[in-house]
Each structure stands twice: as structure tokens, then as C-alpha cells.
Amino acid sequence: MYQTSNQYKQLVYADSTKHLLNIYIEEEQVNPNHILDFKVSHTLFSNDEFALGSVTAKSIEIRIYKDSLPNTYNNIYVETGINNEIVPIGYFVLDSIEKNDDDTITIKAIDYMVKFEFNYDGSNLNYPASMMQILQDICLKAGVELRFYFLFKCK
């Protein structure tokens, strides 16, 4: 969970608050005026099966002008915010792209959780291995950057 200020928490749901939406495709920011629609959804059971360790997959749908699309468009990063306080929505990989008749495209993308859908083989580790070593190995094999956020409460 991302930590926000008390001011952010007070303003985020107010009707008068203007929200910032930044979308980056291949690290190139899409002109905010070219974003026509943006939706976020969460899926837990796409195949009606529950398994230990199931997590929510976040997906996005973006409608933008075709001219805003760079030459390659596999990786997408989205962030939002108010009053210069930016909150990451996440990194996404392209799922599908639909070309519309009105000179726009609709991009559907899913977060990096999809990269963890593989059978993990940890046989190359030296055992006994720590949980951290296993986590690092899983992320390396999935192609996902492992980041740590430490929260300290000082008196």
C-alpha cells in the first residue's frame, strides 16, 4: 500500500478535486489531452478457480488518439495524484489493442502479476535458502523488478 499525506486523504474524494493522470508508454508520456478514457478493474477469479496464494490482477483500459502511440507499445506505466503528490497505479503489459473508426485506439493491459503465471523451479538455489533468496530468484525468473519500501516510525 502506498502511503499518502492527510491532505491527500481529505481531498481525494472531494467532487471539486482535480486529479492528475500520467500514462507512460515505453517510458514516453502520453499527452494528457490525448487521453479520452481510462478505466481500472481488478480480477481475482478469471477461471473460477481459487488456489492458495491467489492475488488480484489489475487491468486497465485506455482510449487515446492514434497519434499518441509510440512505435512500440508493450510496456505501460500509470500514475495519478493531486496537489503534486503522485501515487503509482502500476506497471502493465499490453494485452490487446483495438483500432477504432474515430482515429482512436483502445489499449487493454494487465499488471505484472501475469508474469508470475509459470511453474517455478528453484533447483538452482543452494539450500537451505532464505525466503529472500527464493523471492529474488522468482522475480528474476519472472522478469519483475523487486523493490522494497521500508516504513519507519520515529519518535
Protein backbone atom coordinates (compact mmCIF):
# COMPACT_ATOMS: atom_id res chain seq x y z
CA MET A 1 0.00 0.00 0.00
CA TYR A 2 1.24 3.45 -0.88
CA GLN A 3 1.43 5.99 1.98
CA THR A 4 -0.30 9.32 1.35
CA SER A 5 -0.50 12.52 3.35
CA ASN A 6 -3.51 13.53 5.44
CA GLN A 7 -4.20 16.35 2.98
CA TYR A 8 -4.35 13.82 0.13
CA LYS A 9 -6.77 11.66 2.11
CA GLN A 10 -9.03 14.64 2.78
CA LEU A 11 -9.08 15.85 -0.83
CA VAL A 12 -9.04 12.65 -2.87
CA TYR A 13 -12.81 12.01 -2.71
CA ALA A 14 -13.98 15.65 -2.90
CA ASP A 15 -16.04 16.42 -6.01
CA SER A 16 -14.09 19.60 -6.68
CA THR A 17 -10.66 17.91 -6.66
CA LYS A 18 -8.84 17.73 -9.98
CA HIS A 19 -6.87 14.53 -10.37
CA LEU A 20 -3.68 14.18 -12.35
CA LEU A 21 -3.37 11.15 -14.66
CA ASN A 22 0.01 10.37 -16.21
CA ILE A 23 0.32 7.49 -18.66
CA TYR A 24 3.72 6.44 -20.00
CA ILE A 25 4.00 4.06 -22.94
CA GLU A 26 7.55 2.76 -23.38
CA GLU A 27 8.67 5.49 -20.91
CA GLU A 28 7.23 8.22 -23.16
CA GLN A 29 4.46 10.28 -21.55
CA VAL A 30 1.17 10.40 -23.43
CA ASN A 31 -0.12 13.95 -23.83
CA PRO A 32 -2.85 14.23 -21.13
CA ASN A 33 -5.10 16.00 -23.66
CA HIS A 34 -4.99 12.88 -25.87
CA ILE A 35 -6.34 10.56 -23.15
CA LEU A 36 -10.04 10.15 -23.89
CA ASP A 37 -10.98 7.43 -21.41
CA PHE A 38 -9.31 5.45 -18.64
CA LYS A 39 -10.66 2.54 -16.58
CA VAL A 40 -9.08 0.35 -13.90
CA SER A 41 -10.51 -3.03 -12.91
CA HIS A 42 -9.49 -5.89 -10.63
CA THR A 43 -9.92 -9.60 -11.28
CA LEU A 44 -9.39 -12.36 -8.76
CA PHE A 45 -11.08 -15.37 -10.32
CA SER A 46 -10.76 -15.26 -14.11
CA ASN A 47 -11.12 -19.06 -14.37
CA ASP A 48 -13.47 -19.65 -11.40
CA GLU A 49 -10.69 -21.45 -9.53
CA PHE A 50 -9.31 -20.47 -6.17
CA ALA A 51 -5.83 -21.52 -5.17
CA LEU A 52 -3.69 -20.82 -2.16
CA GLY A 53 -1.73 -17.66 -2.93
CA SER A 54 -4.27 -16.21 -5.37
CA VAL A 55 -3.84 -12.48 -5.87
CA THR A 56 -5.80 -9.75 -7.55
CA ALA A 57 -4.76 -8.94 -11.10
CA LYS A 58 -5.27 -5.30 -12.01
CA SER A 59 -6.13 -4.39 -15.60
CA ILE A 60 -6.55 -1.07 -17.36
CA GLU A 61 -8.32 0.13 -20.46
CA ILE A 62 -7.16 3.34 -22.16
CA ARG A 63 -8.69 5.11 -25.14
CA ILE A 64 -6.29 7.56 -26.79
CA TYR A 65 -5.68 9.18 -30.18
CA LYS A 66 -3.65 7.00 -32.57
CA ASP A 67 -1.09 9.80 -32.98
CA SER A 68 -0.18 9.49 -29.27
CA LEU A 69 1.09 5.95 -29.66
CA PRO A 70 4.87 5.46 -29.95
CA ASN A 71 6.38 2.96 -32.42
CA THR A 72 6.47 0.17 -29.82
CA TYR A 73 3.92 -0.15 -27.06
CA ASN A 74 4.42 -3.22 -24.89
CA ASN A 75 5.09 -1.56 -21.51
CA ILE A 76 2.78 0.93 -19.83
CA TYR A 77 3.18 2.81 -16.54
CA VAL A 78 0.32 4.75 -14.92
CA GLU A 79 0.30 7.18 -12.01
CA THR A 80 -2.23 9.56 -10.52
CA GLY A 81 -2.18 12.28 -7.94
CA ILE A 82 -3.39 15.56 -6.55
CA ASN A 83 -1.51 18.64 -5.34
CA ASN A 84 1.90 17.36 -6.50
CA GLU A 85 1.52 14.11 -4.56
CA ILE A 86 1.91 11.28 -7.06
CA VAL A 87 0.55 7.79 -6.39
CA PRO A 88 1.62 4.94 -8.69
CA ILE A 89 -1.15 2.81 -10.16
CA GLY A 90 1.34 0.38 -11.61
CA TYR A 91 3.23 -1.18 -14.47
CA PHE A 92 1.28 -3.03 -17.13
CA VAL A 93 1.93 -5.22 -20.18
CA LEU A 94 -0.10 -4.98 -23.35
CA ASP A 95 -2.95 -7.46 -23.52
CA SER A 96 -4.82 -6.23 -26.61
CA ILE A 97 -5.18 -3.21 -28.83
CA GLU A 98 -8.29 -2.23 -30.76
CA LYS A 99 -8.28 0.30 -33.60
CA ASN A 100 -11.45 2.38 -33.57
CA ASP A 101 -13.09 4.13 -36.54
CA ASP A 102 -12.75 7.59 -34.97
CA ASP A 103 -8.92 7.82 -35.22
CA THR A 104 -8.51 6.45 -31.69
CA ILE A 105 -7.28 3.19 -30.21
CA THR A 106 -8.32 1.26 -27.13
CA ILE A 107 -5.49 -0.40 -25.23
CA LYS A 108 -6.14 -3.15 -22.72
CA ALA A 109 -3.26 -4.07 -20.42
CA ILE A 110 -2.73 -6.20 -17.33
CA ASP A 111 -0.36 -5.62 -14.42
CA TYR A 112 2.86 -7.53 -13.92
CA MET A 113 1.15 -10.20 -11.78
CA VAL A 114 0.55 -12.03 -15.07
CA LYS A 115 4.31 -12.55 -15.32
CA PHE A 116 4.17 -14.82 -12.27
CA GLU A 117 1.98 -17.37 -14.05
CA PHE A 118 4.63 -20.05 -14.51
CA ASN A 119 5.81 -23.16 -12.75
CA TYR A 120 8.71 -22.10 -10.57
CA ASP A 121 11.84 -24.25 -10.43
CA GLY A 122 14.16 -23.35 -7.58
CA SER A 123 16.55 -26.24 -8.09
CA ASN A 124 19.45 -23.92 -8.93
CA LEU A 125 19.46 -22.39 -5.42
CA ASN A 126 21.80 -23.54 -2.69
CA TYR A 127 19.73 -24.93 0.15
CA PRO A 128 18.95 -24.14 2.85
CA ALA A 129 17.85 -20.91 1.14
CA SER A 130 16.27 -17.92 2.86
CA MET A 131 12.82 -16.68 1.87
CA MET A 132 14.53 -13.55 0.48
CA GLN A 133 16.76 -15.65 -1.80
CA ILE A 134 13.74 -17.56 -3.09
CA LEU A 135 11.80 -14.33 -3.66
CA GLN A 136 14.72 -12.79 -5.54
CA ASP A 137 15.04 -15.90 -7.71
CA ILE A 138 11.30 -15.95 -8.50
CA CYS A 139 11.34 -12.26 -9.50
CA LEU A 140 14.45 -12.76 -11.63
CA LYS A 141 12.84 -15.65 -13.50
CA ALA A 142 9.56 -13.75 -13.90
CA GLY A 143 11.31 -10.64 -15.22
CA VAL A 144 9.88 -8.44 -12.47
CA GLU A 145 11.91 -5.88 -10.55
CA LEU A 146 11.91 -6.50 -6.82
CA ARG A 147 11.53 -3.26 -4.84
CA PHE A 148 11.48 -2.73 -1.12
CA TYR A 149 9.77 0.03 0.77
CA PHE A 150 10.62 0.37 4.43
CA LEU A 151 8.42 2.41 6.69
CA PHE A 152 9.93 3.58 9.92
CA LYS A 153 8.07 5.34 12.67
CA CYS A 154 10.42 7.60 14.61
CA LYS A 155 9.65 9.21 17.95
